[in-house]
């Protein structure tokens, strides 16, 4: 049988991975937004066409949202 202290330390160890997923997801979202809006805001000129930048930014944005969703699901809705 697991004691309360062992259970709490086990819970804290398990929570590092979902927090990492949240942080990675936020970085992907921010980089995707940067790819989409960088030229409009005058933050730089790129060799890619604006259409390609929007496609890459959209993919990064969707992947970041997936990472955030997965991290929240593991962090708050895990049954273990």
N, C-alpha and C. Protein backbone atom coordinates (compact mmCIF):
# COMPACT_ATOMS: atom_id res chain seq x y z
N UNK A 1 0.84 -1.19 0.00
CA UNK A 1 0.00 0.00 0.00
C UNK A 1 0.88 1.24 0.00
N UNK A 2 0.53 2.21 -0.75
CA UNK A 2 1.29 3.44 -0.91
C UNK A 2 0.88 4.45 0.16
N UNK A 3 1.86 5.06 0.82
CA UNK A 3 1.55 6.07 1.83
C UNK A 3 1.21 7.39 1.14
N UNK A 4 0.68 8.30 1.95
CA UNK A 4 0.28 9.61 1.41
C UNK A 4 1.50 10.37 0.89
N UNK A 5 2.61 10.31 1.60
CA UNK A 5 3.82 11.02 1.18
C UNK A 5 4.36 10.46 -0.14
N UNK A 6 4.38 9.14 -0.29
CA UNK A 6 4.83 8.54 -1.54
C UNK A 6 3.92 8.92 -2.69
N UNK A 7 2.62 8.96 -2.41
CA UNK A 7 1.66 9.32 -3.46
C UNK A 7 1.86 10.77 -3.91
N UNK A 8 2.09 11.68 -2.97
CA UNK A 8 2.29 13.09 -3.31
C UNK A 8 3.58 13.28 -4.09
N UNK A 9 4.67 12.60 -3.68
CA UNK A 9 5.93 12.76 -4.40
C UNK A 9 5.81 12.16 -5.80
N UNK A 10 5.06 11.07 -5.96
CA UNK A 10 4.84 10.46 -7.27
C UNK A 10 4.04 11.40 -8.16
N UNK A 11 3.04 12.08 -7.60
CA UNK A 11 2.24 13.03 -8.37
C UNK A 11 3.09 14.19 -8.85
N UNK A 12 4.00 14.69 -8.01
CA UNK A 12 4.84 15.82 -8.40
C UNK A 12 5.80 15.42 -9.51
N UNK A 13 6.34 14.19 -9.48
CA UNK A 13 7.26 13.74 -10.52
C UNK A 13 6.53 13.61 -11.85
N UNK A 14 5.31 13.16 -11.86
CA UNK A 14 4.57 12.93 -13.07
C UNK A 14 4.16 14.26 -13.72
N UNK A 15 4.00 15.30 -12.98
CA UNK A 15 3.50 16.57 -13.50
C UNK A 15 4.53 17.36 -14.31
N UNK A 16 5.79 16.99 -14.28
CA UNK A 16 6.80 17.75 -15.04
C UNK A 16 6.60 17.62 -16.54
N UNK A 17 6.24 16.44 -17.01
CA UNK A 17 6.09 16.23 -18.45
C UNK A 17 4.92 17.05 -19.04
N UNK A 18 3.74 17.03 -18.44
CA UNK A 18 2.65 17.87 -19.00
C UNK A 18 2.96 19.36 -18.96
N UNK A 19 3.67 19.81 -17.93
CA UNK A 19 4.04 21.23 -17.88
C UNK A 19 5.00 21.55 -19.02
N UNK A 20 5.90 20.63 -19.31
CA UNK A 20 6.80 20.81 -20.44
C UNK A 20 6.04 20.87 -21.76
N UNK A 21 5.01 20.05 -21.88
CA UNK A 21 4.19 20.10 -23.09
C UNK A 21 3.46 21.43 -23.21
N UNK A 22 2.98 21.96 -22.09
CA UNK A 22 2.33 23.27 -22.12
C UNK A 22 3.30 24.35 -22.58
N UNK A 23 4.50 24.34 -22.03
CA UNK A 23 5.49 25.36 -22.38
C UNK A 23 5.89 25.24 -23.85
N UNK A 24 6.13 24.02 -24.32
CA UNK A 24 6.46 23.83 -25.74
C UNK A 24 5.32 24.29 -26.63
N UNK A 25 4.10 23.99 -26.23
CA UNK A 25 2.94 24.40 -27.00
C UNK A 25 2.82 25.91 -27.10
N UNK A 26 3.08 26.58 -26.01
CA UNK A 26 3.03 28.05 -26.01
C UNK A 26 4.10 28.62 -26.93
N UNK A 27 5.32 28.03 -26.91
CA UNK A 27 6.36 28.48 -27.82
C UNK A 27 5.98 28.27 -29.28
N UNK A 28 5.39 27.13 -29.60
CA UNK A 28 4.96 26.88 -30.98
C UNK A 28 3.86 27.86 -31.40
N UNK A 29 2.93 28.14 -30.50
CA UNK A 29 1.87 29.11 -30.81
C UNK A 29 2.47 30.49 -31.07
N UNK A 30 3.38 30.92 -30.21
CA UNK A 30 3.99 32.24 -30.39
C UNK A 30 4.80 32.31 -31.68
N UNK A 31 5.55 31.25 -31.99
CA UNK A 31 6.32 31.26 -33.22
C UNK A 31 5.41 31.22 -34.44
N UNK A 32 4.31 30.49 -34.36
CA UNK A 32 3.35 30.47 -35.45
C UNK A 32 2.73 31.84 -35.68
N UNK A 33 2.38 32.52 -34.60
CA UNK A 33 1.84 33.88 -34.73
C UNK A 33 2.88 34.84 -35.31
N UNK A 34 4.13 34.65 -34.91
CA UNK A 34 5.21 35.46 -35.47
C UNK A 34 5.33 35.24 -36.97
N UNK A 35 5.26 33.98 -37.39
CA UNK A 35 5.37 33.68 -38.82
C UNK A 35 4.22 34.32 -39.60
N UNK A 36 3.05 34.35 -39.03
CA UNK A 36 1.89 34.89 -39.72
C UNK A 36 1.94 36.42 -39.79
N UNK A 37 2.31 37.07 -38.69
CA UNK A 37 2.18 38.53 -38.61
C UNK A 37 3.49 39.31 -38.67
N UNK A 38 4.63 38.67 -38.87
CA UNK A 38 5.93 39.37 -38.80
C UNK A 38 6.06 40.45 -39.86
N UNK A 39 5.75 40.13 -41.10
CA UNK A 39 5.92 41.14 -42.16
C UNK A 39 4.90 42.26 -42.04
N UNK A 40 3.68 41.93 -41.58
CA UNK A 40 2.65 42.97 -41.43
C UNK A 40 3.04 43.97 -40.34
N UNK A 41 3.72 43.49 -39.32
CA UNK A 41 4.13 44.37 -38.22
C UNK A 41 5.50 45.00 -38.45
N UNK A 42 6.14 44.67 -39.56
CA UNK A 42 7.44 45.24 -39.86
C UNK A 42 8.57 44.67 -39.02
N UNK A 43 8.46 43.43 -38.62
CA UNK A 43 9.48 42.81 -37.78
C UNK A 43 10.57 42.11 -38.58
N UNK A 44 10.47 42.10 -39.88
CA UNK A 44 11.51 41.49 -40.69
C UNK A 44 11.02 41.17 -42.09
N UNK A 45 11.98 40.95 -42.96
CA UNK A 45 11.68 40.53 -44.32
C UNK A 45 12.24 39.13 -44.51
N UNK A 46 11.47 38.27 -45.14
CA UNK A 46 11.86 36.89 -45.27
C UNK A 46 11.94 36.51 -46.75
N UNK A 47 12.68 35.47 -47.05
CA UNK A 47 12.82 35.02 -48.43
C UNK A 47 11.63 34.18 -48.89
N UNK A 48 10.81 33.77 -47.96
CA UNK A 48 9.62 32.99 -48.31
C UNK A 48 8.50 33.93 -48.73
N UNK A 49 7.60 33.41 -49.54
CA UNK A 49 6.44 34.21 -49.94
C UNK A 49 5.50 34.37 -48.74
N UNK A 50 4.70 35.43 -48.73
CA UNK A 50 3.75 35.59 -47.61
C UNK A 50 2.78 34.42 -47.47
N UNK A 51 2.39 33.82 -48.59
CA UNK A 51 1.49 32.66 -48.53
C UNK A 51 2.16 31.49 -47.82
N UNK A 52 3.43 31.23 -48.16
CA UNK A 52 4.17 30.14 -47.51
C UNK A 52 4.35 30.42 -46.02
N UNK A 53 4.63 31.66 -45.69
CA UNK A 53 4.78 32.03 -44.27
C UNK A 53 3.48 31.78 -43.51
N UNK A 54 2.35 32.10 -44.12
CA UNK A 54 1.07 31.88 -43.46
C UNK A 54 0.77 30.39 -43.30
N UNK A 55 1.13 29.59 -44.31
CA UNK A 55 0.92 28.14 -44.21
C UNK A 55 1.77 27.56 -43.08
N UNK A 56 3.05 27.90 -43.05
CA UNK A 56 3.94 27.39 -41.99
C UNK A 56 3.47 27.90 -40.63
N UNK A 57 3.09 29.16 -40.55
CA UNK A 57 2.58 29.71 -39.30
C UNK A 57 1.32 29.01 -38.83
N UNK A 58 0.42 28.70 -39.77
CA UNK A 58 -0.81 27.98 -39.42
C UNK A 58 -0.52 26.57 -38.90
N UNK A 59 0.43 25.89 -39.54
CA UNK A 59 0.80 24.55 -39.08
C UNK A 59 1.41 24.61 -37.68
N UNK A 60 2.30 25.57 -37.46
CA UNK A 60 2.90 25.73 -36.13
C UNK A 60 1.84 26.08 -35.08
N UNK A 61 0.90 26.91 -35.45
CA UNK A 61 -0.18 27.29 -34.55
C UNK A 61 -1.04 26.09 -34.17
N UNK A 62 -1.41 25.29 -35.15
CA UNK A 62 -2.23 24.10 -34.87
C UNK A 62 -1.45 23.11 -34.02
N UNK A 63 -0.16 22.90 -34.32
CA UNK A 63 0.65 21.98 -33.52
C UNK A 63 0.80 22.49 -32.08
N UNK A 64 0.97 23.79 -31.92
CA UNK A 64 1.07 24.35 -30.58
C UNK A 64 -0.22 24.19 -29.80
N UNK A 65 -1.35 24.38 -30.46
CA UNK A 65 -2.64 24.17 -29.79
C UNK A 65 -2.82 22.71 -29.39
N UNK A 66 -2.36 21.79 -30.25
CA UNK A 66 -2.41 20.37 -29.91
C UNK A 66 -1.55 20.08 -28.68
N UNK A 67 -0.34 20.65 -28.61
CA UNK A 67 0.55 20.43 -27.46
C UNK A 67 -0.09 20.98 -26.19
N UNK A 68 -0.68 22.17 -26.27
CA UNK A 68 -1.31 22.77 -25.09
C UNK A 68 -2.50 21.92 -24.65
N UNK A 69 -3.33 21.50 -25.60
CA UNK A 69 -4.47 20.65 -25.27
C UNK A 69 -4.02 19.34 -24.62
N UNK A 70 -2.99 18.73 -25.19
CA UNK A 70 -2.49 17.47 -24.64
C UNK A 70 -1.91 17.67 -23.24
N UNK A 71 -1.18 18.76 -23.03
CA UNK A 71 -0.62 19.04 -21.71
C UNK A 71 -1.69 19.30 -20.67
N UNK A 72 -2.72 20.05 -21.03
CA UNK A 72 -3.82 20.32 -20.10
C UNK A 72 -4.57 19.04 -19.77
N UNK A 73 -4.78 18.22 -20.80
CA UNK A 73 -5.49 16.95 -20.59
C UNK A 73 -4.71 16.05 -19.62
N UNK A 74 -3.40 15.96 -19.81
CA UNK A 74 -2.58 15.10 -18.94
C UNK A 74 -2.43 15.69 -17.55
N UNK A 75 -2.39 17.01 -17.45
CA UNK A 75 -2.16 17.66 -16.17
C UNK A 75 -3.41 17.65 -15.29
N UNK A 76 -4.56 17.93 -15.87
CA UNK A 76 -5.75 18.12 -15.05
C UNK A 76 -6.76 16.98 -15.15
N UNK A 77 -6.75 16.22 -16.22
CA UNK A 77 -7.78 15.20 -16.42
C UNK A 77 -7.25 13.78 -16.42
N UNK A 78 -6.03 13.59 -15.88
CA UNK A 78 -5.46 12.26 -15.83
C UNK A 78 -6.11 11.47 -14.69
N UNK A 79 -6.54 10.26 -14.97
CA UNK A 79 -7.27 9.45 -13.99
C UNK A 79 -6.35 8.75 -12.99
N UNK A 80 -5.04 8.70 -13.25
CA UNK A 80 -4.13 7.97 -12.35
C UNK A 80 -3.89 8.73 -11.10
